[in-house]
Structure formats: structure tokens, C-alpha cells
PDB file of N, CA and C in Angstrom:
ATOM      1  N   MET A   1       7.913  32.932  14.661  1.00  0.00           N
ATOM      2  CA  MET A   1       7.852  32.276  13.404  1.00  0.00           C
ATOM      3  C   MET A   1       7.207  33.200  12.395  1.00  0.00           C
ATOM      4  N   LYS A   2       7.792  33.273  11.213  1.00  0.00           N
ATOM      5  CA  LYS A   2       7.235  34.196  10.223  1.00  0.00           C
ATOM      6  C   LYS A   2       5.945  33.648   9.620  1.00  0.00           C
ATOM      7  N   ASN A   3       5.114  34.543   9.153  1.00  0.00           N
ATOM      8  CA  ASN A   3       3.832  34.151   8.548  1.00  0.00           C
ATOM      9  C   ASN A   3       4.131  33.631   7.154  1.00  0.00           C
ATOM     10  N   LEU A   4       4.045  32.275   6.965  1.00  0.00           N
ATOM     11  CA  LEU A   4       4.362  31.712   5.690  1.00  0.00           C
ATOM     12  C   LEU A   4       3.301  32.016   4.623  1.00  0.00           C
ATOM     13  N   ARG A   5       3.754  32.364   3.450  1.00  0.00           N
ATOM     14  CA  ARG A   5       2.854  32.732   2.346  1.00  0.00           C
ATOM     15  C   ARG A   5       2.719  31.460   1.481  1.00  0.00           C
ATOM     16  N   VAL A   6       1.516  31.133   1.155  1.00  0.00           N
ATOM     17  CA  VAL A   6       1.210  29.922   0.411  1.00  0.00           C
ATOM     18  C   VAL A   6       0.461  30.261  -0.932  1.00  0.00           C
ATOM     19  N   ALA A   7       0.971  29.537  -1.965  1.00  0.00           N
ATOM     20  CA  ALA A   7       0.251  29.501  -3.213  1.00  0.00           C
ATOM     21  C   ALA A   7      -0.337  28.098  -3.394  1.00  0.00           C
ATOM     22  N   CYS A   8      -1.576  28.002  -3.766  1.00  0.00           N
ATOM     23  CA  CYS A   8      -2.172  26.710  -3.975  1.00  0.00           C
ATOM     24  C   CYS A   8      -2.446  26.494  -5.480  1.00  0.00           C
ATOM     25  N   LEU A   9      -2.316  25.254  -5.830  1.00  0.00           N
ATOM     26  CA  LEU A   9      -2.635  24.817  -7.237  1.00  0.00           C
ATOM     27  C   LEU A   9      -3.724  23.749  -7.178  1.00  0.00           C
ATOM     28  N   TYR A  10      -4.789  24.015  -7.866  1.00  0.00           N
ATOM     29  CA  TYR A  10      -5.885  23.048  -7.951  1.00  0.00           C
ATOM     30  C   TYR A  10      -6.001  22.661  -9.457  1.00  0.00           C
ATOM     31  N   ARG A  11      -6.144  21.327  -9.727  1.00  0.00           N
ATOM     32  CA  ARG A  11      -6.268  20.911 -11.089  1.00  0.00           C
ATOM     33  C   ARG A  11      -7.207  19.740 -11.231  1.00  0.00           C
ATOM     34  N   VAL A  12      -8.009  19.769 -12.275  1.00  0.00           N
ATOM     35  CA  VAL A  12      -8.792  18.642 -12.711  1.00  0.00           C
ATOM     36  C   VAL A  12      -8.474  18.369 -14.153  1.00  0.00           C
ATOM     37  N   SER A  13      -8.392  17.102 -14.547  1.00  0.00           N
ATOM     38  CA  SER A  13      -7.890  16.747 -15.885  1.00  0.00           C
ATOM     39  C   SER A  13      -8.969  16.343 -16.861  1.00  0.00           C
ATOM     40  N   THR A  14     -10.121  15.967 -16.321  1.00  0.00           N
ATOM     41  CA  THR A  14     -11.138  15.449 -17.316  1.00  0.00           C
ATOM     42  C   THR A  14     -12.358  16.351 -17.366  1.00  0.00           C
ATOM     43  N   LYS A  15     -13.085  16.223 -18.436  1.00  0.00           N
ATOM     44  CA  LYS A  15     -14.326  16.979 -18.576  1.00  0.00           C
ATOM     45  C   LYS A  15     -15.318  16.618 -17.494  1.00  0.00           C
ATOM     46  N   GLY A  16     -15.347  15.324 -17.102  1.00  0.00           N
ATOM     47  CA  GLY A  16     -16.213  14.856 -16.038  1.00  0.00           C
ATOM     48  C   GLY A  16     -15.916  15.566 -14.747  1.00  0.00           C
ATOM     49  N   GLN A  17     -14.652  15.732 -14.401  1.00  0.00           N
ATOM     50  CA  GLN A  17     -14.272  16.413 -13.187  1.00  0.00           C
ATOM     51  C   GLN A  17     -14.603  17.906 -13.245  1.00  0.00           C
ATOM     52  N   VAL A  18     -14.576  18.462 -14.466  1.00  0.00           N
ATOM     53  CA  VAL A  18     -14.902  19.902 -14.621  1.00  0.00           C
ATOM     54  C   VAL A  18     -16.399  20.013 -14.334  1.00  0.00           C
ATOM     55  N   VAL A  19     -17.202  19.126 -14.947  1.00  0.00           N
ATOM     56  CA  VAL A  19     -18.715  19.170 -14.741  1.00  0.00           C
ATOM     57  C   VAL A  19     -18.976  19.005 -13.285  1.00  0.00           C
ATOM     58  N   GLU A  20     -18.360  18.017 -12.635  1.00  0.00           N
ATOM     59  CA  GLU A  20     -18.626  17.712 -11.231  1.00  0.00           C
ATOM     60  C   GLU A  20     -17.936  18.789 -10.360  1.00  0.00           C
ATOM     61  N   ASP A  21     -17.046  19.463 -10.898  1.00  0.00           N
ATOM     62  CA  ASP A  21     -16.264  20.578 -10.237  1.00  0.00           C
ATOM     63  C   ASP A  21     -15.638  20.083  -8.956  1.00  0.00           C
ATOM     64  N   ASP A  22     -14.631  19.247  -9.151  1.00  0.00           N
ATOM     65  CA  ASP A  22     -13.817  18.674  -8.073  1.00  0.00           C
ATOM     66  C   ASP A  22     -12.989  19.748  -7.380  1.00  0.00           C
ATOM     67  N   ILE A  23     -12.834  20.928  -7.985  1.00  0.00           N
ATOM     68  CA  ILE A  23     -11.944  21.945  -7.446  1.00  0.00           C
ATOM     69  C   ILE A  23     -12.420  22.472  -6.078  1.00  0.00           C
ATOM     70  N   PRO A  24     -13.722  22.719  -5.811  1.00  0.00           N
ATOM     71  CA  PRO A  24     -14.121  23.143  -4.491  1.00  0.00           C
ATOM     72  C   PRO A  24     -13.638  22.153  -3.390  1.00  0.00           C
ATOM     73  N   MET A  25     -13.645  20.840  -3.641  1.00  0.00           N
ATOM     74  CA  MET A  25     -13.173  19.900  -2.656  1.00  0.00           C
ATOM     75  C   MET A  25     -11.678  20.122  -2.407  1.00  0.00           C
ATOM     76  N   GLN A  26     -10.921  20.259  -3.481  1.00  0.00           N
ATOM     77  CA  GLN A  26      -9.458  20.504  -3.351  1.00  0.00           C
ATOM     78  C   GLN A  26      -9.199  21.803  -2.596  1.00  0.00           C
ATOM     79  N   LYS A  27      -9.914  22.830  -2.993  1.00  0.00           N
ATOM     80  CA  LYS A  27      -9.781  24.180  -2.373  1.00  0.00           C
ATOM     81  C   LYS A  27     -10.100  24.107  -0.882  1.00  0.00           C
ATOM     82  N   GLY A  28     -11.202  23.489  -0.538  1.00  0.00           N
ATOM     83  CA  GLY A  28     -11.577  23.395   0.863  1.00  0.00           C
ATOM     84  C   GLY A  28     -10.551  22.633   1.699  1.00  0.00           C
ATOM     85  N   ALA A  29     -10.047  21.535   1.189  1.00  0.00           N
ATOM     86  CA  ALA A  29      -9.010  20.749   1.908  1.00  0.00           C
ATOM     87  C   ALA A  29      -7.742  21.570   2.093  1.00  0.00           C
ATOM     88  N   CYS A  30      -7.289  22.264   1.031  1.00  0.00           N
ATOM     89  CA  CYS A  30      -6.096  23.079   1.131  1.00  0.00           C
ATOM     90  C   CYS A  30      -6.247  24.217   2.082  1.00  0.00           C
ATOM     91  N   ARG A  31      -7.439  24.897   2.049  1.00  0.00           N
ATOM     92  CA  ARG A  31      -7.665  26.046   2.947  1.00  0.00           C
ATOM     93  C   ARG A  31      -7.694  25.571   4.410  1.00  0.00           C
ATOM     94  N   ASN A  32      -8.330  24.435   4.669  1.00  0.00           N
ATOM     95  CA  ASN A  32      -8.357  23.884   6.063  1.00  0.00           C
ATOM     96  C   ASN A  32      -6.956  23.541   6.509  1.00  0.00           C
ATOM     97  N   PHE A  33      -6.211  22.911   5.651  1.00  0.00           N
ATOM     98  CA  PHE A  33      -4.836  22.525   5.998  1.00  0.00           C
ATOM     99  C   PHE A  33      -3.964  23.761   6.305  1.00  0.00           C
ATOM    100  N   ALA A  34      -4.063  24.785   5.472  1.00  0.00           N
ATOM    101  CA  ALA A  34      -3.299  26.021   5.682  1.00  0.00           C
ATOM    102  C   ALA A  34      -3.738  26.688   6.990  1.00  0.00           C
ATOM    103  N   THR A  35      -5.014  26.679   7.283  1.00  0.00           N
ATOM    104  CA  THR A  35      -5.507  27.304   8.527  1.00  0.00           C
ATOM    105  C   THR A  35      -4.951  26.564   9.720  1.00  0.00           C
ATOM    106  N   GLU A  36      -4.939  25.244   9.681  1.00  0.00           N
ATOM    107  CA  GLU A  36      -4.365  24.468  10.782  1.00  0.00           C
ATOM    108  C   GLU A  36      -2.920  24.753  11.032  1.00  0.00           C
ATOM    109  N   LYS A  37      -2.182  25.006   9.935  1.00  0.00           N
ATOM    110  CA  LYS A  37      -0.760  25.301   9.992  1.00  0.00           C
ATOM    111  C   LYS A  37      -0.466  26.776  10.257  1.00  0.00           C
ATOM    112  N   ARG A  38      -1.523  27.596  10.300  1.00  0.00           N
ATOM    113  CA  ARG A  38      -1.441  29.053  10.442  1.00  0.00           C
ATOM    114  C   ARG A  38      -0.619  29.687   9.327  1.00  0.00           C
ATOM    115  N   TRP A  39      -0.849  29.186   8.127  1.00  0.00           N
ATOM    116  CA  TRP A  39      -0.217  29.727   6.906  1.00  0.00           C
ATOM    117  C   TRP A  39      -1.237  30.660   6.253  1.00  0.00           C
ATOM    118  N   HIS A  40      -0.694  31.539   5.481  1.00  0.00           N
ATOM    119  CA  HIS A  40      -1.552  32.575   4.816  1.00  0.00           C
ATOM    120  C   HIS A  40      -1.596  32.280   3.258  1.00  0.00           C
ATOM    121  N   ILE A  41      -2.745  31.888   2.771  1.00  0.00           N
ATOM    122  CA  ILE A  41      -2.853  31.684   1.301  1.00  0.00           C
ATOM    123  C   ILE A  41      -2.960  33.049   0.599  1.00  0.00           C
ATOM    124  N   ILE A  42      -1.973  33.235  -0.295  1.00  0.00           N
ATOM    125  CA  ILE A  42      -1.912  34.480  -0.990  1.00  0.00           C
ATOM    126  C   ILE A  42      -2.318  34.405  -2.457  1.00  0.00           C
ATOM    127  N   ASP A  43      -2.386  33.146  -2.956  1.00  0.00           N
ATOM    128  CA  ASP A  43      -2.745  32.947  -4.366  1.00  0.00           C
ATOM    129  C   ASP A  43      -3.280  31.531  -4.536  1.00  0.00           C
ATOM    130  N   GLU A  44      -4.261  31.409  -5.438  1.00  0.00           N
ATOM    131  CA  GLU A  44      -4.855  30.103  -5.782  1.00  0.00           C
ATOM    132  C   GLU A  44      -4.971  30.026  -7.266  1.00  0.00           C
ATOM    133  N   LYS A  45      -4.279  29.018  -7.838  1.00  0.00           N
ATOM    134  CA  LYS A  45      -4.287  28.830  -9.300  1.00  0.00           C
ATOM    135  C   LYS A  45      -5.236  27.650  -9.630  1.00  0.00           C
ATOM    136  N   LEU A  46      -5.981  27.810 -10.700  1.00  0.00           N
ATOM    137  CA  LEU A  46      -6.938  26.801 -11.151  1.00  0.00           C
ATOM    138  C   LEU A  46      -6.565  26.301 -12.523  1.00  0.00           C
ATOM    139  N   GLU A  47      -6.575  24.983 -12.667  1.00  0.00           N
ATOM    140  CA  GLU A  47      -6.414  24.385 -13.997  1.00  0.00           C
ATOM    141  C   GLU A  47      -7.613  23.445 -14.192  1.00  0.00           C
ATOM    142  N   LYS A  48      -8.502  23.825 -15.071  1.00  0.00           N
ATOM    143  CA  LYS A  48      -9.678  22.987 -15.340  1.00  0.00           C
ATOM    144  C   LYS A  48      -9.532  22.297 -16.685  1.00  0.00           C
ATOM    145  N   GLY A  49      -9.622  20.970 -16.665  1.00  0.00           N
ATOM    146  CA  GLY A  49      -9.524  20.179 -17.899  1.00  0.00           C
ATOM    147  C   GLY A  49      -8.092  20.083 -18.441  1.00  0.00           C
ATOM    148  N   VAL A  50      -7.079  20.153 -17.565  1.00  0.00           N
ATOM    149  CA  VAL A  50      -5.695  20.084 -18.019  1.00  0.00           C
ATOM    150  C   VAL A  50      -5.130  18.790 -17.503  1.00  0.00           C
ATOM    151  N   SER A  51      -4.711  17.910 -18.403  1.00  0.00           N
ATOM    152  CA  SER A  51      -4.134  16.658 -18.059  1.00  0.00           C
ATOM    153  C   SER A  51      -2.725  16.813 -17.608  1.00  0.00           C
ATOM    154  N   GLY A  52      -2.423  16.395 -16.388  1.00  0.00           N
ATOM    155  CA  GLY A  52      -1.040  16.426 -15.899  1.00  0.00           C
ATOM    156  C   GLY A  52      -0.176  15.368 -16.503  1.00  0.00           C
ATOM    157  N   PHE A  53      -0.824  14.415 -17.235  1.00  0.00           N
ATOM    158  CA  PHE A  53      -0.112  13.372 -17.909  1.00  0.00           C
ATOM    159  C   PHE A  53       0.163  13.705 -19.362  1.00  0.00           C
ATOM    160  N   LYS A  54      -0.824  14.303 -20.011  1.00  0.00           N
ATOM    161  CA  LYS A  54      -0.722  14.642 -21.444  1.00  0.00           C
ATOM    162  C   LYS A  54      -0.003  15.948 -21.694  1.00  0.00           C
ATOM    163  N   VAL A  55      -0.066  16.859 -20.751  1.00  0.00           N
ATOM    164  CA  VAL A  55       0.512  18.213 -20.942  1.00  0.00           C
ATOM    165  C   VAL A  55       1.659  18.426 -20.033  1.00  0.00           C
ATOM    166  N   SER A  56       2.813  18.638 -20.579  1.00  0.00           N
ATOM    167  CA  SER A  56       4.066  18.846 -19.780  1.00  0.00           C
ATOM    168  C   SER A  56       3.940  20.116 -18.970  1.00  0.00           C
ATOM    169  N   ALA A  57       4.587  20.110 -17.842  1.00  0.00           N
ATOM    170  CA  ALA A  57       4.619  21.289 -16.952  1.00  0.00           C
ATOM    171  C   ALA A  57       5.126  22.461 -17.668  1.00  0.00           C
ATOM    172  N   GLU A  58       6.043  22.287 -18.618  1.00  0.00           N
ATOM    173  CA  GLU A  58       6.573  23.380 -19.446  1.00  0.00           C
ATOM    174  C   GLU A  58       5.496  24.114 -20.225  1.00  0.00           C
ATOM    175  N   ASN A  59       4.385  23.389 -20.552  1.00  0.00           N
ATOM    176  CA  ASN A  59       3.329  23.942 -21.352  1.00  0.00           C
ATOM    177  C   ASN A  59       2.068  24.262 -20.562  1.00  0.00           C
ATOM    178  N   ARG A  60       2.138  24.268 -19.251  1.00  0.00           N
ATOM    179  CA  ARG A  60       1.017  24.581 -18.474  1.00  0.00           C
ATOM    180  C   ARG A  60       1.214  26.032 -17.928  1.00  0.00           C
ATOM    181  N   ASP A  61       0.272  26.921 -18.254  1.00  0.00           N
ATOM    182  CA  ASP A  61       0.364  28.327 -17.960  1.00  0.00           C
ATOM    183  C   ASP A  61       0.464  28.571 -16.396  1.00  0.00           C
ATOM    184  N   GLU A  62      -0.311  27.839 -15.681  1.00  0.00           N
ATOM    185  CA  GLU A  62      -0.358  28.088 -14.185  1.00  0.00           C
ATOM    186  C   GLU A  62       0.932  27.667 -13.543  1.00  0.00           C
ATOM    187  N   ILE A  63       1.558  26.581 -14.009  1.00  0.00           N
ATOM    188  CA  ILE A  63       2.873  26.179 -13.453  1.00  0.00           C
ATOM    189  C   ILE A  63       3.914  27.197 -13.815  1.00  0.00           C
ATOM    190  N   GLN A  64       3.859  27.738 -15.008  1.00  0.00           N
ATOM    191  CA  GLN A  64       4.824  28.751 -15.406  1.00  0.00           C
ATOM    192  C   GLN A  64       4.621  30.052 -14.604  1.00  0.00           C
ATOM    193  N   GLU A  65       3.400  30.419 -14.359  1.00  0.00           N
ATOM    194  CA  GLU A  65       3.179  31.603 -13.510  1.00  0.00           C
ATOM    195  C   GLU A  65       3.660  31.349 -12.071  1.00  0.00           C
ATOM    196  N   LEU A  66       3.445  30.144 -11.545  1.00  0.00           N
ATOM    197  CA  LEU A  66       3.930  29.828 -10.223  1.00  0.00           C
ATOM    198  C   LEU A  66       5.472  29.915 -10.198  1.00  0.00           C
ATOM    199  N   LYS A  67       6.137  29.445 -11.218  1.00  0.00           N
ATOM    200  CA  LYS A  67       7.604  29.496 -11.302  1.00  0.00           C
ATOM    201  C   LYS A  67       8.044  30.967 -11.283  1.00  0.00           C
ATOM    202  N   LYS A  68       7.402  31.789 -12.047  1.00  0.00           N
ATOM    203  CA  LYS A  68       7.790  33.234 -12.105  1.00  0.00           C
ATOM    204  C   LYS A  68       7.587  33.849 -10.715  1.00  0.00           C
ATOM    205  N   ASP A  69       6.440  33.561 -10.078  1.00  0.00           N
ATOM    206  CA  ASP A  69       6.183  34.069  -8.737  1.00  0.00           C
ATOM    207  C   ASP A  69       7.192  33.572  -7.698  1.00  0.00           C
ATOM    208  N   ALA A  70       7.605  32.324  -7.845  1.00  0.00           N
ATOM    209  CA  ALA A  70       8.621  31.753  -6.985  1.00  0.00           C
ATOM    210  C   ALA A  70       9.961  32.510  -7.165  1.00  0.00           C
ATOM    211  N   GLU A  71      10.311  32.772  -8.370  1.00  0.00           N
ATOM    212  CA  GLU A  71      11.533  33.520  -8.643  1.00  0.00           C
ATOM    213  C   GLU A  71      11.467  34.929  -8.071  1.00  0.00           C
ATOM    214  N   ASP A  72      10.278  35.502  -8.047  1.00  0.00           N
ATOM    215  CA  ASP A  72      10.048  36.837  -7.507  1.00  0.00           C
ATOM    216  C   ASP A  72       9.807  36.796  -5.994  1.00  0.00           C
ATOM    217  N   LYS A  73       9.976  35.616  -5.401  1.00  0.00           N
ATOM    218  CA  LYS A  73       9.816  35.447  -3.916  1.00  0.00           C
ATOM    219  C   LYS A  73       8.437  35.892  -3.381  1.00  0.00           C
ATOM    220  N   LYS A  74       7.416  35.585  -4.168  1.00  0.00           N
ATOM    221  CA  LYS A  74       6.065  36.001  -3.749  1.00  0.00           C
ATOM    222  C   LYS A  74       5.440  35.065  -2.751  1.00  0.00           C
ATOM    223  N   PHE A  75       5.912  33.818  -2.667  1.00  0.00           N
ATOM    224  CA  PHE A  75       5.345  32.822  -1.749  1.00  0.00           C
ATOM    225  C   PHE A  75       6.458  31.901  -1.265  1.00  0.00           C
ATOM    226  N   ASP A  76       6.191  31.220  -0.138  1.00  0.00           N
ATOM    227  CA  ASP A  76       7.124  30.324   0.502  1.00  0.00           C
ATOM    228  C   ASP A  76       6.822  28.832   0.328  1.00  0.00           C
ATOM    229  N   ILE A  77       5.553  28.531   0.133  1.00  0.00           N
ATOM    230  CA  ILE A  77       5.069  27.159   0.093  1.00  0.00           C
ATOM    231  C   ILE A  77       4.084  26.993  -1.109  1.00  0.00           C
ATOM    232  N   LEU A  78       4.269  25.952  -1.870  1.00  0.00           N
ATOM    233  CA  LEU A  78       3.329  25.564  -2.868  1.00  0.00           C
ATOM    234  C   LEU A  78       2.533  24.392  -2.317  1.00  0.00           C
ATOM    235  N   LEU A  79       1.217  24.552  -2.206  1.00  0.00           N
ATOM    236  CA  LEU A  79       0.333  23.582  -1.595  1.00  0.00           C
ATOM    237  C   LEU A  79      -0.613  22.975  -2.631  1.00  0.00           C
ATOM    238  N   VAL A  80      -0.649  21.639  -2.728  1.00  0.00           N
ATOM    239  CA  VAL A  80      -1.559  20.953  -3.600  1.00  0.00           C
ATOM    240  C   VAL A  80      -2.377  19.960  -2.753  1.00  0.00           C
ATOM    241  N   PHE A  81      -3.526  19.555  -3.276  1.00  0.00           N
ATOM    242  CA  PHE A  81      -4.344  18.579  -2.610  1.00  0.00           C
ATOM    243  C   PHE A  81      -3.626  17.221  -2.550  1.00  0.00           C
ATOM    244  N   MET A  82      -3.110  16.781  -3.682  1.00  0.00           N
ATOM    245  CA  MET A  82      -2.270  15.577  -3.837  1.00  0.00           C
ATOM    246  C   MET A  82      -1.160  15.917  -4.754  1.00  0.00           C
ATOM    247  N   PHE A  83      -0.017  15.276  -4.632  1.00  0.00           N
ATOM    248  CA  PHE A  83       1.117  15.576  -5.505  1.00  0.00           C
ATOM    249  C   PHE A  83       0.776  15.361  -6.999  1.00  0.00           C
ATOM    250  N   ASP A  84      -0.131  14.431  -7.292  1.00  0.00           N
ATOM    251  CA  ASP A  84      -0.454  14.239  -8.677  1.00  0.00           C
ATOM    252  C   ASP A  84      -1.225  15.411  -9.291  1.00  0.00           C
ATOM    253  N   ARG A  85      -1.667  16.350  -8.492  1.00  0.00           N
ATOM    254  CA  ARG A  85      -2.263  17.572  -9.049  1.00  0.00           C
ATOM    255  C   ARG A  85      -1.180  18.481  -9.633  1.00  0.00           C
ATOM    256  N   LEU A  86       0.034  18.302  -9.141  1.00  0.00           N
ATOM    257  CA  LEU A  86       1.179  19.070  -9.652  1.00  0.00           C
ATOM    258  C   LEU A  86       1.643  18.486 -11.031  1.00  0.00           C
ATOM    259  N   ASP A  87       1.737  17.208 -11.102  1.00  0.00           N
ATOM    260  CA  ASP A  87       2.178  16.538 -12.331  1.00  0.00           C
ATOM    261  C   ASP A  87       1.875  15.046 -12.268  1.00  0.00           C
ATOM    262  N   ARG A  88       1.582  14.436 -13.402  1.00  0.00           N
ATOM    263  CA  ARG A  88       1.267  13.018 -13.450  1.00  0.00           C
ATOM    264  C   ARG A  88       2.319  12.203 -14.132  1.00  0.00           C
ATOM    265  N   ARG A  89       3.361  12.879 -14.657  1.00  0.00           N
ATOM    266  CA  ARG A  89       4.435  12.156 -15.328  1.00  0.00           C
ATOM    267  C   ARG A  89       5.471  11.829 -14.284  1.00  0.00           C
ATOM    268  N   GLU A  90       5.684  10.506 -14.080  1.00  0.00           N
ATOM    269  CA  GLU A  90       6.589  10.079 -12.957  1.00  0.00           C
ATOM    270  C   GLU A  90       8.023  10.591 -13.172  1.00  0.00           C
ATOM    271  N   TYR A  91       8.491  10.757 -14.425  1.00  0.00           N
ATOM    272  CA  TYR A  91       9.815  11.268 -14.650  1.00  0.00           C
ATOM    273  C   TYR A  91       9.901  12.827 -14.479  1.00  0.00           C
ATOM    274  N   GLU A  92       8.782  13.497 -14.696  1.00  0.00           N
ATOM    275  CA  GLU A  92       8.755  14.974 -14.651  1.00  0.00           C
ATOM    276  C   GLU A  92       8.444  15.548 -13.282  1.00  0.00           C
ATOM    277  N   MET A  93       7.612  14.878 -12.515  1.00  0.00           N
ATOM    278  CA  MET A  93       7.213  15.380 -11.189  1.00  0.00           C
ATOM    279  C   MET A  93       8.421  15.726 -10.285  1.00  0.00           C
ATOM    280  N   PRO A  94       9.380  14.769 -10.157  1.00  0.00           N
ATOM    281  CA  PRO A  94      10.532  15.088  -9.307  1.00  0.00           C
ATOM    282  C   PRO A  94      11.289  16.326  -9.808  1.00  0.00           C
ATOM    283  N   LEU A  95      11.361  16.515 -11.090  1.00  0.00           N
ATOM    284  CA  LEU A  95      12.056  17.680 -11.620  1.00  0.00           C
ATOM    285  C   LEU A  95      11.315  18.989 -11.296  1.00  0.00           C
ATOM    286  N   VAL A  96      10.018  18.944 -11.391  1.00  0.00           N
ATOM    287  CA  VAL A  96       9.181  20.130 -11.007  1.00  0.00           C
ATOM    288  C   VAL A  96       9.377  20.424  -9.535  1.00  0.00           C
ATOM    289  N   MET A  97       9.297  19.392  -8.699  1.00  0.00           N
ATOM    290  CA  MET A  97       9.410  19.583  -7.252  1.00  0.00           C
ATOM    291  C   MET A  97      10.856  20.084  -6.942  1.00  0.00           C
ATOM    292  N   LYS A  98      11.819  19.515  -7.631  1.00  0.00           N
ATOM    293  CA  LYS A  98      13.249  19.961  -7.354  1.00  0.00           C
ATOM    294  C   LYS A  98      13.435  21.396  -7.785  1.00  0.00           C
ATOM    295  N   TRP A  99      12.807  21.840  -8.860  1.00  0.00           N
ATOM    296  CA  TRP A  99      12.935  23.205  -9.303  1.00  0.00           C
ATOM    297  C   TRP A  99      12.436  24.180  -8.235  1.00  0.00           C
ATOM    298  N   PHE A 100      11.227  23.866  -7.699  1.00  0.00           N
ATOM    299  CA  PHE A 100      10.668  24.727  -6.640  1.00  0.00           C
ATOM    300  C   PHE A 100      11.573  24.707  -5.436  1.00  0.00           C
ATOM    301  N   SER A 101      12.088  23.544  -4.990  1.00  0.00           N
ATOM    302  CA  SER A 101      12.994  23.451  -3.831  1.00  0.00           C
ATOM    303  C   SER A 101      14.253  24.260  -4.047  1.00  0.00           C
ATOM    304  N   GLU A 102      14.798  24.131  -5.207  1.00  0.00           N
ATOM    305  CA  GLU A 102      16.033  24.917  -5.506  1.00  0.00           C
ATOM    306  C   GLU A 102      15.817  26.426  -5.561  1.00  0.00           C
ATOM    307  N   ASN A 103      14.561  26.802  -5.661  1.00  0.00           N
ATOM    308  CA  ASN A 103      14.212  28.229  -5.649  1.00  0.00           C
ATOM    309  C   ASN A 103      13.595  28.683  -4.345  1.00  0.00           C
ATOM    310  N   GLY A 104      13.796  27.862  -3.321  1.00  0.00           N
ATOM    311  CA  GLY A 104      13.414  28.242  -1.975  1.00  0.00           C
ATOM    312  C   GLY A 104      11.946  27.987  -1.581  1.00  0.00           C
ATOM    313  N   ILE A 105      11.250  27.186  -2.412  1.00  0.00           N
ATOM    314  CA  ILE A 105       9.855  26.924  -2.207  1.00  0.00           C
ATOM    315  C   ILE A 105       9.660  25.522  -1.669  1.00  0.00           C
ATOM    316  N   GLU A 106       8.998  25.350  -0.549  1.00  0.00           N
ATOM    317  CA  GLU A 106       8.603  24.006  -0.050  1.00  0.00           C
ATOM    318  C   GLU A 106       7.338  23.603  -0.802  1.00  0.00           C
ATOM    319  N   VAL A 107       7.276  22.322  -1.179  1.00  0.00           N
ATOM    320  CA  VAL A 107       6.098  21.784  -1.859  1.00  0.00           C
ATOM    321  C   VAL A 107       5.407  20.833  -0.867  1.00  0.00           C
ATOM    322  N   TRP A 108       4.140  21.097  -0.559  1.00  0.00           N
ATOM    323  CA  TRP A 108       3.338  20.322   0.363  1.00  0.00           C
ATOM    324  C   TRP A 108       2.112  19.772  -0.274  1.00  0.00           C
ATOM    325  N   SER A 109       1.630  18.614   0.207  1.00  0.00           N
ATOM    326  CA  SER A 109       0.268  18.192  -0.173  1.00  0.00           C
ATOM    327  C   SER A 109      -0.533  17.922   1.073  1.00  0.00           C
ATOM    328  N   VAL A 110      -1.817  18.116   0.900  1.00  0.00           N
ATOM    329  CA  VAL A 110      -2.738  17.892   2.014  1.00  0.00           C
ATOM    330  C   VAL A 110      -2.692  16.404   2.350  1.00  0.00           C
TER     331      VAL A 110
END
């Protein structure tokens, strides 16, 4: 089995979450999950204070960087703590996930 390359996306949407820094919890859970699966994390993207409901995926720099890296075949799996870290818009999330899938990227959540 090939060594799967993983990109992780961590996001907090509110100032309170930034102050409490919820990202280490997300990061720890994703790292443990990847270790259990024997996956290799090659990139970790952070979005602090970015609302997945108020800000479209088209306007989020980290999502756009992940899309470019996916097109360049830099990773095999996009891992998030929960799918709502990827997007909070119920009409947009399936489109984001579909885009990654159509570009050969599996999307997983812890």
C-alpha cells in the first residue's frame, strides 16, 4: 500500500475560539487519526477567525491553496476534524467535497 499523503485543514470561526485556540485540539485529533491510519501529513492549513458560513470557499485563501495543491497532485487525502471545518454552507459543502473528489482527493473527517 502506498504511503498516502495528507493535507489537514483546521479552522475556527469566532474570536472566542481564536482566544481559546481550538486549533491545537483539532490538530491533535487529526494527527492521531493520521498516525492510526499510517498516513503521512505533508501540510497543515490554518484558518483563524474565518467563518465557514459567512465566507464562501471561493474567498478563503486556504481552500484555494488546497485546490491548487490538489491539482498539482501534492496530496491524496484532505483531512478535517469535522466536515463543518471545511464549509458551513449546506449548499456549498457538497460542491467543495465534489470538487476535491473529482480531482482525485478523498475528503475525510476525524
